[in-house]
Every structure is written in structure tokens, then in C-alpha cells.
């Protein structure tokens, strides 16, 4: 992937020098650099996307990179660091982009294992008779 750098004076405040993440479509471990479009592949990775995610999380923790900063670096490397999505101040602590900067998400998120009730079911896992 070609690399095109953004001028350092045009970068949002709060971006780390570098961070690690995982490509969503392949699970490969990659390195992102502040202001650089594209990514760098890492030679020290696993064939397991879950293991690569653990490695990215551990490396980012050592670097002091938050989920908001990682999300901003991903957006900046993909779409340009001049966009609002490349500013870590536009994310909540979970790395979720805030459409309206004044509108904050609740401190706790719903449990991921909760199953929403679908209209065609009375209870999760139960099908209504027709």
C-alpha cells in the first residue's frame, strides 16, 4: 500500500507516534504511524486473528495508546488525518466515534452477550407458533 504523509502541523492533537491494530478482513497485525496514509505489516504476528488482536492490545498498552487513539489512527491512515474521524477527541473511551461531540455515550455499555428480542420471537431462542 502506498504511503502519503500529512504535514505535522495539520495533525490533530493527541495522536500517538505509532500504534498497532488488526486488519478487519484478514486479521493481520499492522503498524500505523502518525500522519502516514496506509499501514506497515508486522513480521512478528500469528496466523490467528485473535492472537494478533491480543498482541496489538498489549503493544498499545505498553505505548500508552487508548482505544480512542487507535480508532483515530485507523481512520486517519485510511481516509486522511485532516478529517474529524482522525481526531481522538471525537471518540469515547471505548473507541466509538461520537457523531455530536457534545453527546457523550453512557459510561457503561450493554453486555455484549445480551440477545435482543426479535419481533418473531417471544423470548430469545424461542420461536412463536404460527
Protein backbone atom coordinates (compact mmCIF):
# COMPACT_ATOMS: atom_id res chain seq x y z
CA UNK A 1 0.00 0.00 0.00
CA UNK A 2 1.41 3.41 -0.87
CA UNK A 3 2.25 5.86 1.89
CA UNK A 4 1.46 9.56 1.72
CA UNK A 5 2.32 11.67 4.74
CA UNK A 6 0.28 14.51 6.24
CA UNK A 7 2.06 17.71 7.30
CA UNK A 8 2.87 17.54 11.04
CA UNK A 9 1.21 20.93 11.67
CA UNK A 10 -2.06 19.63 10.16
CA UNK A 11 -2.36 16.65 12.53
CA UNK A 12 -4.97 16.59 15.33
CA UNK A 13 -3.69 16.84 18.90
CA UNK A 14 -3.48 13.66 20.93
CA UNK A 15 -2.38 11.23 18.23
CA UNK A 16 0.35 8.78 19.27
CA UNK A 17 3.59 8.42 17.32
CA UNK A 18 2.51 4.90 16.34
CA UNK A 19 0.01 2.20 17.24
CA UNK A 20 -0.87 -1.37 16.39
CA UNK A 21 -4.15 -2.74 15.10
CA UNK A 22 -5.56 -5.68 13.16
CA UNK A 23 -6.90 -5.61 9.63
CA UNK A 24 -10.61 -6.48 9.87
CA UNK A 25 -10.74 -8.51 6.66
CA UNK A 26 -7.63 -10.66 7.23
CA UNK A 27 -6.78 -10.44 10.93
CA UNK A 28 -3.19 -9.45 10.13
CA UNK A 29 -1.26 -7.38 12.66
CA UNK A 30 -0.28 -3.96 11.27
CA UNK A 31 1.54 -0.84 12.43
CA UNK A 32 0.15 2.65 11.87
CA UNK A 33 2.33 5.76 12.03
CA UNK A 34 1.08 9.25 12.88
CA UNK A 35 0.43 11.25 9.71
CA UNK A 36 1.16 8.36 7.32
CA UNK A 37 -1.52 7.08 4.97
CA UNK A 38 -1.61 3.31 4.72
CA UNK A 39 -0.03 0.78 7.04
CA UNK A 40 3.08 -1.27 7.65
CA UNK A 41 2.88 -5.04 8.02
CA UNK A 42 4.43 -6.63 11.10
CA UNK A 43 6.67 -9.66 10.75
CA UNK A 44 6.01 -10.73 14.36
CA UNK A 45 2.46 -11.99 14.02
CA UNK A 46 0.37 -15.10 14.34
CA UNK A 47 -1.90 -16.87 11.89
CA UNK A 48 -4.65 -16.36 14.46
CA UNK A 49 -6.57 -13.05 14.24
CA UNK A 50 -7.44 -13.37 17.96
CA UNK A 51 -3.76 -13.71 18.87
CA UNK A 52 -2.91 -10.72 16.68
CA UNK A 53 -5.63 -8.67 18.42
CA UNK A 54 -4.14 -9.61 21.80
CA UNK A 55 -0.69 -8.59 20.59
CA UNK A 56 -1.98 -5.25 19.28
CA UNK A 57 -3.75 -4.59 22.58
CA UNK A 58 -0.62 -5.46 24.60
CA UNK A 59 1.68 -3.32 22.41
CA UNK A 60 -0.72 -0.37 22.55
CA UNK A 61 -0.93 -0.68 26.33
CA UNK A 62 2.90 -0.50 26.53
CA UNK A 63 2.86 2.56 24.26
CA UNK A 64 0.07 4.20 26.28
CA UNK A 65 -2.31 4.20 23.29
CA UNK A 66 -6.03 4.38 24.16
CA UNK A 67 -8.88 2.80 22.18
CA UNK A 68 -9.87 6.31 21.02
CA UNK A 69 -6.36 6.96 19.74
CA UNK A 70 -6.22 3.61 17.94
CA UNK A 71 -9.58 4.27 16.27
CA UNK A 72 -8.46 7.77 15.20
CA UNK A 73 -5.20 6.39 13.77
CA UNK A 74 -7.12 3.74 11.80
CA UNK A 75 -9.42 6.41 10.33
CA UNK A 76 -6.55 8.79 9.61
CA UNK A 77 -4.48 6.16 7.87
CA UNK A 78 -7.47 5.16 5.72
CA UNK A 79 -9.19 8.46 4.95
CA UNK A 80 -6.67 11.18 5.81
CA UNK A 81 -5.63 12.92 9.00
CA UNK A 82 -7.45 16.11 8.05
CA UNK A 83 -10.87 14.54 8.75
CA UNK A 84 -12.78 14.69 12.08
CA UNK A 85 -12.55 10.90 12.34
CA UNK A 86 -8.76 11.22 12.76
CA UNK A 87 -9.11 13.25 15.97
CA UNK A 88 -9.08 11.07 19.11
CA UNK A 89 -11.08 13.76 20.94
CA UNK A 90 -14.07 12.80 18.76
CA UNK A 91 -14.22 9.27 20.26
CA UNK A 92 -15.48 7.93 23.55
CA UNK A 93 -13.27 5.80 25.82
CA UNK A 94 -14.40 2.64 24.01
CA UNK A 95 -13.13 3.93 20.64
CA UNK A 96 -16.61 4.70 19.29
CA UNK A 97 -16.89 7.80 17.08
CA UNK A 98 -19.17 10.47 18.50
CA UNK A 99 -21.38 11.99 15.81
CA UNK A 100 -22.04 15.01 18.00
CA UNK A 101 -19.06 15.95 20.20
CA UNK A 102 -21.47 17.30 22.86
CA UNK A 103 -23.34 13.98 23.00
CA UNK A 104 -21.40 11.51 25.17
CA UNK A 105 -22.20 7.82 25.43
CA UNK A 106 -23.02 6.32 28.84
CA UNK A 107 -20.07 5.21 30.96
CA UNK A 108 -21.18 1.57 30.83
CA UNK A 109 -22.03 -0.28 27.67
CA UNK A 110 -24.68 -3.04 27.44
CA UNK A 111 -23.33 -6.52 27.99
CA UNK A 112 -22.15 -7.98 24.68
CA UNK A 113 -23.71 -11.38 25.38
CA UNK A 114 -27.22 -9.95 25.74
CA UNK A 115 -29.54 -11.11 22.98
CA UNK A 116 -32.13 -8.65 21.69
CA UNK A 117 -35.66 -9.99 21.38
CA UNK A 118 -36.69 -10.17 17.74
CA UNK A 119 -40.31 -9.42 16.76
CA UNK A 120 -40.80 -13.00 15.52
CA UNK A 121 -39.78 -14.45 18.91
CA UNK A 122 -41.35 -14.20 22.34
CA UNK A 123 -38.05 -14.73 24.19
CA UNK A 124 -34.50 -15.07 22.93
CA UNK A 125 -34.15 -18.54 21.43
CA UNK A 126 -37.92 -19.20 21.40
CA UNK A 127 -39.92 -19.24 18.16
CA UNK A 128 -43.59 -18.21 18.15
CA UNK A 129 -46.13 -20.65 16.80
CA UNK A 130 -47.75 -19.51 13.59
